[in-house]
Structure formats: structure tokens, C-alpha cells
């Protein structure tokens, strides 16, 4: 209850514009330069940076090495309201979730072309491998519009309930895969429901716990920073591959990718651990100083 009171009190302070407004956004406010404050319904600006963690689908665990940024704006932040009533809006550059490639450990090293492939496809694959192009990167992308993101920073502070829900797809890049190789799609996404609390996954996964991190009020509490928070989910399923190898060879390359990654993978066999810092800024202040 004490933590909930802190959340409500802090949010109330943020809705009152700071009296010492400056001409431009400086210091920690620069993070919110792309907050869509032209929409007067927005009360809070969001900037969340994931700097470490892992994303596991099937048999592949990909560590997060390159920061992933989630940014935009929201009109309501209340830990008592359901996520369905939390509205998220795209930033002015349109990129809600940054496209940050992560190296896939092992890549295609040791992978051989299936014997059932046609010779032309086996030759293309072998040429790619022989030229040293075994590396693969995985990039998490939002699989829907900004409104498909449901964020409740209050649930990060209280370490309870779903803090972040969003549909995603994972793009795999390698010269052989082509430019449209994905695990998941807009019509069949990976549905993440991340919490700072403890998960309740189906077997064989066991519960894991997140963390709200350290609370800090910046700029006279006009910015709330939740440092070193940890959001987790190990209850989601991962669909199969699509588009790998291009239009002509997707029918053959998709199964290879699925065998390497271990997808489709049922709920209870996948894990997302996202660690970083989230910032919630007063939209009235940003609006007055952009």
C-alpha cells in the first residue's frame, strides 16, 4: 500500500507543470524530444531502454547486447486500471520499438543443407557458408501499430500485474535468408506479457521473478526513473518461420530455420528477460518546452 501511495503521489506531482520552464529540452528531458505532445490527450512521455537480458525461443537463447528503445506517449498511468484502458501513442519519428540487431550465438556454424533440397539451393547455401557468412542477427520488431502496446509503468513500480504487453516478431538476418525472414508476423505474432513480479508459466518452465529496480524522482519529480528494472515473461508461445530464403525458396528454407531455432515452440518453452531503465516524463513540461 505504501508503494501504491508513492506511485499515485508521484504521478499527481508530474501533472503539475514545473515553474522553472526553459526554452528547450535539455539534460534528462532530451529523451522525450520525440514524445507526441501535439496530441493534447497525452499526459506522460515514455522512454524505456533495455540494455541487457535474454530472449529465448525454442532452443536458441539470444543475449541482448545492443540497447532496445521503447518510446512514445500515454494518456493514463494508473496501476488500478486494466491494461485495456492504457493508451499508447507512437513517437514523432514513428519508431515505437527500435530495430536493434542482436548477434545469435553460433549462427549457422555447423549447419548443413538438408539432402532433400534441390541442388541449386544446396549450392547457394554452401557458397554462403564457404564465404564465411555464418553469422545471424535477430531483431525484435513491433508486430502491430503503436496502439497494440499496453504499458503500465505503475505496475513496474509496484512489481505486480502486467507492466508491458506487446505483440512482436523477430527478424533473422543472414545473406542466405534474404530480407524478409521472420519468426512470427503481424497476423501471428509473439505475444509478450511482461511483469516486474513473478510469472505463472505452463510447464516445463518454472516461475521466474522480475524486479521493479530502484525508484528515482528527477527534475523535481517531473521525471520518474525506474532504474535497473527487470521485466520477465516465460508463458508465451513462438510461431514458425516465414519468408526465409525469399519468395522462391521459402518453402525449403523456412523448415531449416525452424530446425535451427527450435520453433514453433509451445507456451512454457520460451523466456524473455528484459533489463534496463524506464523513464516517465511530464508531457505538459515537454509540450511547453519543445
Protein backbone atom coordinates (compact mmCIF):
# COMPACT_ATOMS: atom_id res chain seq x y z
CA UNK A 1 0.00 0.00 0.00
CA UNK A 2 2.88 2.36 0.79
CA UNK A 3 4.35 1.69 -2.68
CA UNK A 4 0.97 2.38 -4.33
CA UNK A 5 0.67 5.69 -2.44
CA UNK A 6 4.15 6.65 -3.69
CA UNK A 7 3.09 5.89 -7.28
CA UNK A 8 -0.12 7.95 -7.05
CA UNK A 9 1.64 10.86 -5.31
CA UNK A 10 4.45 10.96 -7.84
CA UNK A 11 2.09 10.88 -10.81
CA UNK A 12 -0.01 13.67 -9.30
CA UNK A 13 3.08 15.87 -8.98
CA UNK A 14 4.01 15.19 -12.60
CA UNK A 15 0.70 16.53 -13.88
CA UNK A 16 1.57 19.97 -12.48
CA UNK A 17 3.92 21.75 -14.94
CA UNK A 18 7.26 22.78 -13.45
CA UNK A 19 7.52 26.50 -12.82
CA UNK A 20 11.13 26.76 -13.97
CA UNK A 21 10.50 26.05 -17.64
CA UNK A 22 13.38 26.56 -20.04
CA UNK A 23 13.36 27.38 -23.74
CA UNK A 24 14.34 23.92 -24.98
CA UNK A 25 14.59 20.35 -23.78
CA UNK A 26 17.92 19.77 -22.07
CA UNK A 27 19.52 17.22 -19.76
CA UNK A 28 17.30 14.21 -18.99
CA UNK A 29 14.43 15.85 -20.89
CA UNK A 30 16.18 15.22 -24.23
CA UNK A 31 15.00 11.59 -24.04
CA UNK A 32 11.46 12.84 -24.63
CA UNK A 33 12.22 15.00 -27.69
CA UNK A 34 10.12 12.69 -29.88
CA UNK A 35 7.20 12.42 -27.48
CA UNK A 36 4.00 13.13 -29.49
CA UNK A 37 2.88 16.03 -27.31
CA UNK A 38 0.93 17.66 -30.12
CA UNK A 39 -1.75 15.20 -29.05
CA UNK A 40 -3.20 17.06 -26.06
CA UNK A 41 -4.62 13.82 -24.65
CA UNK A 42 -1.11 12.69 -23.72
CA UNK A 43 -0.17 13.24 -20.08
CA UNK A 44 3.07 11.26 -19.93
CA UNK A 45 6.06 10.67 -22.18
CA UNK A 46 7.72 7.24 -22.18
CA UNK A 47 11.34 6.30 -22.80
CA UNK A 48 12.34 2.76 -21.81
CA UNK A 49 15.78 1.35 -22.57
CA UNK A 50 16.55 -2.38 -22.39
CA UNK A 51 20.31 -2.80 -22.05
CA UNK A 52 20.68 -6.47 -21.10
CA UNK A 53 18.82 -9.74 -20.69
CA UNK A 54 17.99 -12.65 -22.99
CA UNK A 55 15.28 -13.66 -25.40
CA UNK A 56 14.83 -17.42 -25.76
CA UNK A 57 12.72 -19.11 -28.42
CA UNK A 58 12.79 -22.89 -28.57
CA UNK A 59 16.44 -23.95 -28.48
CA UNK A 60 18.01 -20.52 -29.15
CA UNK A 61 18.84 -18.03 -26.40
CA UNK A 62 19.84 -14.62 -27.74
CA UNK A 63 21.52 -12.22 -25.28
CA UNK A 64 20.64 -8.55 -25.59
CA UNK A 65 23.86 -6.71 -26.44
CA UNK A 66 22.52 -3.70 -28.38
CA UNK A 67 20.12 -1.44 -26.43
CA UNK A 68 16.45 -1.68 -27.41
CA UNK A 69 14.40 1.52 -27.01
CA UNK A 70 10.65 1.77 -26.49
CA UNK A 71 9.32 5.32 -26.71
CA UNK A 72 6.09 7.24 -27.18
CA UNK A 73 3.36 8.74 -25.04
CA UNK A 74 0.41 7.65 -22.93
CA UNK A 75 -2.73 9.33 -21.66
CA UNK A 76 -3.37 7.33 -18.49
CA UNK A 77 -1.00 5.78 -15.98
CA UNK A 78 -2.84 4.15 -13.09
CA UNK A 79 -1.89 0.79 -11.55
CA UNK A 80 -5.55 0.29 -10.63
CA UNK A 81 -6.78 0.41 -14.24
CA UNK A 82 -6.69 -2.61 -16.60
CA UNK A 83 -4.23 -2.55 -19.48
CA UNK A 84 -7.10 -2.28 -21.95
CA UNK A 85 -7.62 1.28 -20.71
CA UNK A 86 -3.96 2.27 -21.09
CA UNK A 87 -3.50 4.03 -24.44
CA UNK A 88 -0.07 4.21 -26.08
CA UNK A 89 0.84 6.62 -28.90
CA UNK A 90 3.71 6.50 -31.41
CA UNK A 91 6.63 8.94 -31.16
CA UNK A 92 7.03 11.61 -33.81
CA UNK A 93 9.58 9.54 -35.75
CA UNK A 94 7.14 6.62 -35.89
CA UNK A 95 9.57 4.10 -34.38
CA UNK A 96 7.91 2.81 -31.22
CA UNK A 97 10.40 -0.03 -30.78
CA UNK A 98 13.93 0.47 -32.06
CA UNK A 99 15.23 -2.09 -34.55
CA UNK A 100 18.34 -3.25 -32.70
CA UNK A 101 20.04 -6.35 -34.20
CA UNK A 102 21.39 -8.87 -31.66
CA UNK A 103 24.03 -11.48 -32.65
CA UNK A 104 22.66 -15.03 -32.48
CA UNK A 105 25.20 -17.26 -30.69
CA UNK A 106 26.54 -19.91 -33.07
CA UNK A 107 24.71 -18.50 -36.10
CA UNK A 108 24.78 -21.07 -38.90
CA UNK A 109 28.10 -22.55 -37.83
CA UNK A 110 27.91 -26.32 -38.23
CA UNK A 111 24.56 -26.22 -40.04
CA UNK A 112 24.38 -28.27 -43.27
CA UNK A 113 21.93 -28.10 -46.14
CA UNK A 114 19.25 -30.84 -45.99
CA UNK A 115 19.67 -33.63 -48.54
CA UNK A 116 16.10 -33.18 -49.80
CA UNK A 117 16.81 -29.64 -51.04
CA UNK A 118 17.22 -29.13 -54.79
CA UNK A 119 20.87 -28.93 -55.89
CA UNK A 120 20.67 -25.23 -56.83
CA UNK A 121 19.57 -24.36 -53.30
CA UNK A 122 22.25 -26.54 -51.70
CA UNK A 123 24.88 -24.85 -53.86
CA UNK A 124 23.67 -21.39 -52.80
CA UNK A 125 23.72 -22.37 -49.13
CA UNK A 126 27.17 -23.95 -49.34
CA UNK A 127 28.53 -20.88 -51.14
CA UNK A 128 27.20 -18.65 -48.37
CA UNK A 129 28.77 -20.82 -45.67
CA UNK A 130 32.08 -21.23 -47.54
CA UNK A 131 32.36 -17.46 -47.87
CA UNK A 132 32.21 -17.16 -44.09
CA UNK A 133 28.69 -15.75 -43.88
CA UNK A 134 27.65 -17.90 -40.92
CA UNK A 135 26.65 -15.03 -38.63
CA UNK A 136 22.97 -14.41 -37.93
CA UNK A 137 21.37 -11.45 -36.16
CA UNK A 138 17.93 -11.33 -34.55
CA UNK A 139 15.94 -8.10 -34.36
CA UNK A 140 12.76 -7.78 -32.33
CA UNK A 141 10.16 -5.66 -34.12
CA UNK A 142 6.73 -4.48 -33.07
CA UNK A 143 4.09 -6.60 -34.86
CA UNK A 144 1.32 -4.02 -34.96
CA UNK A 145 0.55 -0.31 -34.54
CA UNK A 146 1.55 1.77 -31.51
CA UNK A 147 -1.89 1.16 -30.03
CA UNK A 148 -1.05 -2.55 -29.71
CA UNK A 149 1.45 -1.65 -26.95
CA UNK A 150 -0.06 -1.71 -23.48
CA UNK A 151 2.20 -0.17 -20.86
CA UNK A 152 1.56 0.43 -17.18
CA UNK A 153 4.65 1.97 -15.52
CA UNK A 154 2.78 1.84 -12.22
CA UNK A 155 2.92 -1.94 -12.39
CA UNK A 156 6.70 -1.71 -12.72
CA UNK A 157 6.82 0.40 -9.56
CA UNK A 158 4.57 -1.98 -7.63
CA UNK A 159 6.11 -5.16 -9.15
CA UNK A 160 2.66 -6.59 -9.76
CA UNK A 161 0.49 -7.35 -12.77
CA UNK A 162 1.48 -6.91 -16.39
CA UNK A 163 3.82 -3.96 -16.88
CA UNK A 164 4.24 -4.23 -20.65
CA UNK A 165 2.22 -6.17 -23.19
CA UNK A 166 3.07 -6.06 -26.88
CA UNK A 167 2.96 -8.25 -29.99
CA UNK A 168 6.38 -8.76 -31.60
CA UNK A 169 8.08 -10.63 -34.42
CA UNK A 170 11.77 -11.47 -34.76
CA UNK A 171 13.65 -10.72 -37.98
CA UNK A 172 16.58 -13.02 -38.76
CA UNK A 173 19.32 -11.62 -40.97
CA UNK A 174 21.91 -13.59 -42.93
CA UNK A 175 22.89 -13.28 -46.63
CA UNK A 176 21.23 -16.62 -47.36
CA UNK A 177 17.96 -15.82 -45.56
CA UNK A 178 17.05 -12.83 -47.70
CA UNK A 179 15.47 -9.62 -46.45
CA UNK A 180 12.17 -10.93 -45.12
CA UNK A 181 12.95 -13.85 -42.79
CA UNK A 182 10.82 -13.74 -39.62
CA UNK A 183 9.74 -15.76 -36.63
CA UNK A 184 6.17 -14.57 -36.18
CA UNK A 185 4.26 -11.98 -38.17
CA UNK A 186 1.72 -9.19 -37.75
CA UNK A 187 -1.09 -11.72 -38.18
CA UNK A 188 0.57 -14.37 -35.97
CA UNK A 189 2.82 -12.53 -33.50
CA UNK A 190 4.73 -13.49 -30.38
CA UNK A 191 2.55 -12.07 -27.60
CA UNK A 192 4.64 -10.79 -24.70
CA UNK A 193 3.09 -10.06 -21.30
CA UNK A 194 6.00 -8.82 -19.22
CA UNK A 195 5.90 -8.32 -15.47
CA UNK A 196 8.21 -7.00 -12.79
CA UNK A 197 6.61 -9.54 -10.47
CA UNK A 198 6.62 -13.34 -10.63
CA UNK A 199 5.39 -15.32 -13.63
CA UNK A 200 2.95 -18.25 -13.67
CA UNK A 201 4.07 -20.20 -16.74
CA UNK A 202 2.78 -23.53 -18.00
CA UNK A 203 5.23 -26.43 -17.63
CA UNK A 204 8.00 -27.22 -18.26
CA UNK A 205 9.00 -23.62 -17.44
CA UNK A 206 9.10 -22.70 -13.76
CA UNK A 207 8.18 -19.28 -12.30
CA UNK A 208 10.79 -16.54 -12.57
CA UNK A 209 10.78 -13.16 -10.88
CA UNK A 210 11.33 -9.70 -12.24
CA UNK A 211 12.22 -6.60 -10.29
CA UNK A 212 10.99 -3.02 -10.06
CA UNK A 213 14.56 -1.79 -9.68
CA UNK A 214 15.36 1.49 -7.98
CA UNK A 215 12.90 4.38 -7.98
CA UNK A 216 14.27 7.89 -8.50
CA UNK A 217 12.48 11.20 -8.93
CA UNK A 218 14.30 13.62 -11.27
CA UNK A 219 13.74 17.29 -12.14
CA UNK A 220 11.55 17.99 -9.09
CA UNK A 221 9.74 14.68 -9.69
CA UNK A 222 8.68 15.76 -13.19
CA UNK A 223 10.55 12.64 -14.37
CA UNK A 224 10.25 9.25 -12.70
CA UNK A 225 13.17 6.91 -13.38
CA UNK A 226 12.87 3.22 -12.61
CA UNK A 227 16.49 2.11 -12.82
CA UNK A 228 17.73 -1.46 -13.25
CA UNK A 229 14.24 -2.89 -13.54
CA UNK A 230 13.75 -6.43 -14.81
CA UNK A 231 10.69 -7.43 -16.83
CA UNK A 232 10.07 -11.13 -17.44
CA UNK A 233 7.72 -13.48 -19.29
CA UNK A 234 8.03 -17.23 -19.81
CA UNK A 235 4.43 -18.02 -20.72
CA UNK A 236 4.36 -17.10 -24.41
CA UNK A 237 4.46 -19.33 -27.47
CA UNK A 238 6.66 -18.80 -30.53
CA UNK A 239 5.27 -19.44 -34.04
CA UNK A 240 7.17 -20.82 -37.00
CA UNK A 241 9.35 -19.09 -39.59
CA UNK A 242 8.11 -17.33 -42.70
CA UNK A 243 9.67 -15.59 -45.70
CA UNK A 244 13.15 -17.07 -45.24
CA UNK A 245 15.02 -17.65 -48.48
CA UNK A 246 12.78 -15.30 -50.42
CA UNK A 247 9.66 -15.97 -52.47
CA UNK A 248 11.17 -18.81 -54.48
CA UNK A 249 12.77 -20.83 -51.66
CA UNK A 250 10.78 -20.01 -48.53
CA UNK A 251 9.08 -23.42 -48.74
CA UNK A 252 12.50 -25.05 -48.23
CA UNK A 253 14.40 -22.53 -46.06
CA UNK A 254 11.62 -21.93 -43.51
CA UNK A 255 11.88 -25.54 -42.24
CA UNK A 256 15.68 -25.21 -41.95
CA UNK A 257 15.34 -22.05 -39.86
CA UNK A 258 12.71 -23.71 -37.70
CA UNK A 259 15.01 -26.68 -37.05
CA UNK A 260 17.91 -24.41 -36.11
CA UNK A 261 15.86 -22.15 -33.80
CA UNK A 262 13.54 -24.84 -32.45
CA UNK A 263 10.22 -23.29 -33.45
CA UNK A 264 7.27 -23.46 -33.43
CA UNK A 265 7.65 -23.62 -29.67
CA UNK A 266 4.70 -24.03 -27.33
CA UNK A 267 3.91 -21.82 -24.35
CA UNK A 268 6.10 -22.77 -21.43
CA UNK A 269 9.23 -23.33 -23.51
CA UNK A 270 10.26 -19.73 -24.19
CA UNK A 271 11.58 -16.92 -22.00
CA UNK A 272 12.01 -13.15 -22.23
CA UNK A 273 14.14 -11.31 -19.66
CA UNK A 274 14.49 -7.57 -20.33
CA UNK A 275 16.63 -5.47 -18.02
CA UNK A 276 17.14 -1.73 -18.15
CA UNK A 277 15.72 1.63 -17.11
CA UNK A 278 12.38 3.26 -17.86
CA UNK A 279 11.65 6.98 -17.73
CA UNK A 280 8.22 8.56 -17.35
CA UNK A 281 8.18 12.29 -18.07
CA UNK A 282 5.58 15.02 -17.62
CA UNK A 283 4.03 15.69 -21.04
CA UNK A 284 2.87 19.23 -20.05
CA UNK A 285 6.50 20.17 -19.34
CA UNK A 286 7.74 18.64 -22.61
CA UNK A 287 4.90 20.31 -24.51
CA UNK A 288 5.81 23.72 -23.08
CA UNK A 289 9.49 23.40 -23.95
CA UNK A 290 9.65 21.75 -27.38
